[in-house]
Each structure stands twice: as structure tokens, then as C-alpha cells.
């Protein structure tokens, strides 16, 4: 199998996870709603927007507009198969067909999007232990397939776990917007991180 074909076949998988496109359907918007606004802890950690309940209809309308916009990448982060499902049959398929079948059988545990330049990417929290892998995969995808020169990500200053994670993955601290996020009668900073293509290549041993 040549290197380019293998890269395409594995473009939407990482060590423990697979990734599938988010469709503008009620089923996928339902997933995004429960990963986001309906989960107050996730939504509070993810979003610097006004912390309030968002109705399903209003959120669906907003998600529809987002999913039809020009996002570079919009995926559900998934475990490879549903619980108890046999995957032996996948070995009988070609590499591309096997990858497609694997994504179809996957169980969503979170979501991730990569926006246009200067907007960075956003991730709805996943099951504990998978966040670093999913973000690292998105960074690899951006530099390998989207001709991106720089990837940016940000978080609220109260989310120290995210700040630590981003720097551990290889992002550099670039700055902060002071007191722009309001939660529980207190203002917090938005902390910004970035990674250049040259830094990514060095991190992956490609130089």
C-alpha cells in the first residue's frame, strides 16, 4: 500500500478514536445539543458565552447555520465500534471501505470543529482521557490536509486543565484578553494559544 493511499485511508482516525463528519440532521444536532448546551458543565467549560439554558429548537437553528458555514473541519469524536459489536468482518474489506465502515459503526463521545484562519478550533469535551488525542489529531489533520500555516485555540482562565493540556500537546501561550468572560459574578480572562507549522513539524520529528 503506497504512502499517499494509506494517509487518505487513515485521515479520520487516530490511535484509539475515529472521526466522522457532522451532518445537518436532527440526529446529529441532538448529539451536539447534549454535548453542549444541555450539559451545563461541558458548556460552561467550553464556551465564554452567556451561561444560560438554550432551548433545543433555538440551538438546532443555530447549529444548522454553523454546519452549513465554511468550517474546514466538523467531526464527531467516536469510539471505533458500538459496545458488543463484532468488527472481524471489516478485515475482509479494502482499506478505504474498512475505514468507512469503521466510522459508520462508531459511537460518538464528543465533537470538534476547525474554523477558518484566525478563528482556530473548538472542542466539546469528550470522555476523560480522549481530549488530548482528539486535539492532536485535529492539529495533524490541519497541517497535513488543509494547507494551514497556524492553528489557534483558546480557553477561559478558570479552565486550568485545558490550559495545561494545550501546552502539553505543543501549543505556545500567545496572550490573553483580560476579563472578557463573566461567570458566577466574576470576570475571567480568555487565554490564547497557537502552534505554527514549523513548530508542529519539529514536534512530530518531520524536520
Protein backbone atom coordinates (compact mmCIF):
# COMPACT_ATOMS: atom_id res chain seq x y z
CA UNK A 1 0.00 0.00 0.00
CA UNK A 2 1.56 3.33 -1.03
CA UNK A 3 2.08 6.12 1.46
CA UNK A 4 -0.50 8.53 0.00
CA UNK A 5 -3.28 5.90 -0.11
CA UNK A 6 -2.55 4.91 3.48
CA UNK A 7 -2.63 8.56 4.57
CA UNK A 8 -6.05 9.05 2.97
CA UNK A 9 -7.42 5.84 4.49
CA UNK A 10 -6.23 6.85 7.97
CA UNK A 11 -7.07 10.56 7.68
CA UNK A 12 -10.07 10.25 10.00
CA UNK A 13 -8.68 8.01 12.72
CA UNK A 14 -6.11 8.20 15.49
CA UNK A 15 -4.72 5.61 17.89
CA UNK A 16 -7.95 4.92 19.79
CA UNK A 17 -10.57 7.04 18.02
CA UNK A 18 -12.30 7.54 14.70
CA UNK A 19 -13.92 10.72 13.40
CA UNK A 20 -16.94 11.20 11.18
CA UNK A 21 -18.44 14.26 9.56
CA UNK A 22 -21.29 16.02 11.36
CA UNK A 23 -24.40 16.13 9.18
CA UNK A 24 -27.08 18.81 9.29
CA UNK A 25 -29.64 16.30 10.57
CA UNK A 26 -31.78 16.26 13.70
CA UNK A 27 -29.94 13.16 14.91
CA UNK A 28 -26.51 14.80 14.78
CA UNK A 29 -27.80 18.12 16.11
CA UNK A 30 -29.35 16.20 19.00
CA UNK A 31 -25.88 14.82 19.81
CA UNK A 32 -24.31 18.27 19.64
CA UNK A 33 -27.05 19.68 21.86
CA UNK A 34 -26.34 17.09 24.57
CA UNK A 35 -22.57 17.52 24.24
CA UNK A 36 -23.05 21.29 24.54
CA UNK A 37 -25.84 23.47 25.99
CA UNK A 38 -27.75 20.61 27.61
CA UNK A 39 -24.64 19.65 29.61
CA UNK A 40 -24.05 22.66 31.84
CA UNK A 41 -20.58 21.58 32.97
CA UNK A 42 -19.36 20.98 29.42
CA UNK A 43 -20.95 24.17 28.15
CA UNK A 44 -19.52 26.27 30.97
CA UNK A 45 -16.01 24.98 30.36
CA UNK A 46 -16.24 25.18 26.59
CA UNK A 47 -17.98 28.46 25.97
CA UNK A 48 -17.29 32.01 27.04
CA UNK A 49 -20.81 32.97 26.00
CA UNK A 50 -23.56 33.95 28.42
CA UNK A 51 -24.20 30.96 30.65
CA UNK A 52 -27.89 30.13 30.24
CA UNK A 53 -30.19 27.33 29.18
CA UNK A 54 -30.58 27.12 25.41
CA UNK A 55 -33.76 25.57 24.04
CA UNK A 56 -33.36 22.63 21.71
CA UNK A 57 -35.12 24.43 18.85
CA UNK A 58 -33.01 27.58 19.18
CA UNK A 59 -29.84 25.54 19.39
CA UNK A 60 -30.87 23.40 16.39
CA UNK A 61 -31.46 26.55 14.34
CA UNK A 62 -28.04 27.91 15.28
CA UNK A 63 -26.30 24.58 14.69
CA UNK A 64 -27.87 24.33 11.24
CA UNK A 65 -26.33 27.67 10.28
CA UNK A 66 -22.95 26.65 11.70
CA UNK A 67 -22.94 23.28 9.92
CA UNK A 68 -23.74 24.94 6.61
CA UNK A 69 -20.97 27.51 7.07
CA UNK A 70 -17.45 27.19 5.71
CA UNK A 71 -15.85 25.20 8.51
CA UNK A 72 -12.63 23.48 7.47
CA UNK A 73 -13.48 20.50 9.66
CA UNK A 74 -16.54 19.43 11.65
CA UNK A 75 -16.50 15.95 13.15
CA UNK A 76 -17.93 13.77 15.86
CA UNK A 77 -15.23 12.17 18.01
CA UNK A 78 -16.10 8.47 18.25
CA UNK A 79 -15.08 5.19 19.80
CA UNK A 80 -14.46 2.76 16.91
CA UNK A 81 -17.44 0.46 17.48
CA UNK A 82 -20.67 0.29 19.40
CA UNK A 83 -20.46 -1.82 22.60
CA UNK A 84 -20.54 -5.55 21.83
CA UNK A 85 -20.29 -5.11 18.07
CA UNK A 86 -18.12 -7.55 16.12
CA UNK A 87 -15.62 -5.95 13.72
CA UNK A 88 -13.96 -9.06 12.27
CA UNK A 89 -15.86 -8.57 9.01
CA UNK A 90 -14.02 -5.29 8.47
CA UNK A 91 -10.77 -7.14 7.82
CA UNK A 92 -12.31 -8.59 4.65
CA UNK A 93 -12.81 -5.14 3.12
CA UNK A 94 -10.38 -2.89 1.30
CA UNK A 95 -8.61 -0.21 3.29
CA UNK A 96 -10.92 2.63 2.22
CA UNK A 97 -14.12 0.61 2.65
CA UNK A 98 -12.94 -0.64 6.04
CA UNK A 99 -12.30 2.92 7.23
CA UNK A 100 -15.79 4.00 6.07
CA UNK A 101 -17.44 1.02 7.79
CA UNK A 102 -15.50 1.74 10.97
CA UNK A 103 -16.78 5.33 11.08
CA UNK A 104 -20.34 4.18 10.40
CA UNK A 105 -20.23 1.78 13.38
CA UNK A 106 -18.62 4.31 15.71
CA UNK A 107 -20.09 5.60 18.96
CA UNK A 108 -19.93 9.44 19.34
CA UNK A 109 -18.41 10.77 22.57
CA UNK A 110 -17.72 14.40 21.65
CA UNK A 111 -17.31 16.87 18.81
CA UNK A 112 -14.62 19.04 17.28
CA UNK A 113 -14.52 21.79 14.66
CA UNK A 114 -11.76 23.63 12.86
CA UNK A 115 -12.74 27.10 11.71
CA UNK A 116 -11.37 29.37 9.02
CA UNK A 117 -8.00 31.07 9.55
CA UNK A 118 -7.76 33.30 12.63
CA UNK A 119 -10.73 31.56 14.26
CA UNK A 120 -8.95 28.42 15.47
CA UNK A 121 -10.87 25.33 16.52
CA UNK A 122 -13.28 24.31 19.24
CA UNK A 123 -13.94 21.05 21.01
CA UNK A 124 -16.86 19.83 23.06
CA UNK A 125 -15.40 17.81 25.95
CA UNK A 126 -15.10 14.07 25.42
CA UNK A 127 -14.92 11.12 27.77
CA UNK A 128 -11.96 11.55 30.13
CA UNK A 129 -8.66 10.60 28.52
CA UNK A 130 -9.53 11.25 24.87
CA UNK A 131 -9.28 15.06 24.66
CA UNK A 132 -5.53 15.24 24.05
CA UNK A 133 -5.70 12.56 21.36
CA UNK A 134 -8.58 14.26 19.54
CA UNK A 135 -6.96 17.70 19.57
CA UNK A 136 -3.61 16.29 18.44
CA UNK A 137 -5.39 14.51 15.58
CA UNK A 138 -7.11 17.76 14.54
CA UNK A 139 -3.79 19.60 14.53
CA UNK A 140 -2.24 16.86 12.37
CA UNK A 141 -5.22 16.96 10.00
CA UNK A 142 -4.98 20.74 9.66
CA UNK A 143 -1.31 20.72 8.71
CA UNK A 144 -1.45 17.57 6.56
CA UNK A 145 -4.66 18.10 4.61
CA UNK A 146 -5.92 21.70 4.96
CA UNK A 147 -2.77 23.65 4.00
CA UNK A 148 -2.94 25.53 7.30
CA UNK A 149 0.06 27.55 8.45
CA UNK A 150 -1.07 28.08 12.04
CA UNK A 151 -3.63 26.57 14.41
CA UNK A 152 -5.07 28.60 17.31
CA UNK A 153 -7.11 27.59 20.33
CA UNK A 154 -8.31 29.44 23.43
CA UNK A 155 -9.89 28.81 26.80
CA UNK A 156 -11.16 30.67 29.84
CA UNK A 157 -8.62 31.35 32.59
CA UNK A 158 -10.70 29.32 35.06
CA UNK A 159 -10.18 26.22 32.90
CA UNK A 160 -6.66 25.47 34.11
CA UNK A 161 -6.92 21.87 32.97
CA UNK A 162 -7.43 22.96 29.36
CA UNK A 163 -4.55 25.44 29.53
CA UNK A 164 -2.23 22.74 30.82
CA UNK A 165 -3.43 20.28 28.19
CA UNK A 166 -2.92 22.66 25.25
CA UNK A 167 0.64 23.44 26.31
CA UNK A 168 1.37 19.74 26.89
CA UNK A 169 0.23 19.00 23.33
CA UNK A 170 2.63 21.61 21.99
CA UNK A 171 0.71 24.90 21.80
CA UNK A 172 2.51 28.08 22.84
CA UNK A 173 0.91 30.70 25.06
CA UNK A 174 0.37 33.80 22.91
CA UNK A 175 -1.65 36.18 25.04
CA UNK A 176 -4.88 36.85 26.87
CA UNK A 177 -7.93 39.04 26.57
CA UNK A 178 -8.48 40.41 30.03
CA UNK A 179 -11.80 39.99 31.84
CA UNK A 180 -13.99 39.18 28.83
CA UNK A 181 -15.75 36.10 30.26
CA UNK A 182 -18.32 36.54 33.04
CA UNK A 183 -19.22 33.57 35.27
CA UNK A 184 -20.72 33.49 38.77
CA UNK A 185 -20.32 37.23 39.46
CA UNK A 186 -16.68 37.29 38.39
CA UNK A 187 -14.79 38.21 35.22
CA UNK A 188 -12.16 35.89 33.74
CA UNK A 189 -9.55 36.23 31.00
CA UNK A 190 -9.61 34.41 27.68
CA UNK A 191 -6.21 32.75 27.20
CA UNK A 192 -4.96 32.27 23.63
CA UNK A 193 -2.59 29.59 22.35
CA UNK A 194 -1.09 28.91 18.92
CA UNK A 195 1.02 26.43 17.00
CA UNK A 196 2.93 27.20 13.79
CA UNK A 197 3.51 24.62 11.09
CA UNK A 198 7.26 24.78 11.75
CA UNK A 199 6.64 24.03 15.44
CA UNK A 200 4.37 21.12 14.52
CA UNK A 201 6.99 19.65 12.17
CA UNK A 202 9.61 19.83 14.89
CA UNK A 203 7.22 18.28 17.42
CA UNK A 204 6.46 15.38 15.05
CA UNK A 205 10.12 14.91 14.07
CA UNK A 206 9.49 15.87 10.42
CA UNK A 207 12.35 18.35 10.04
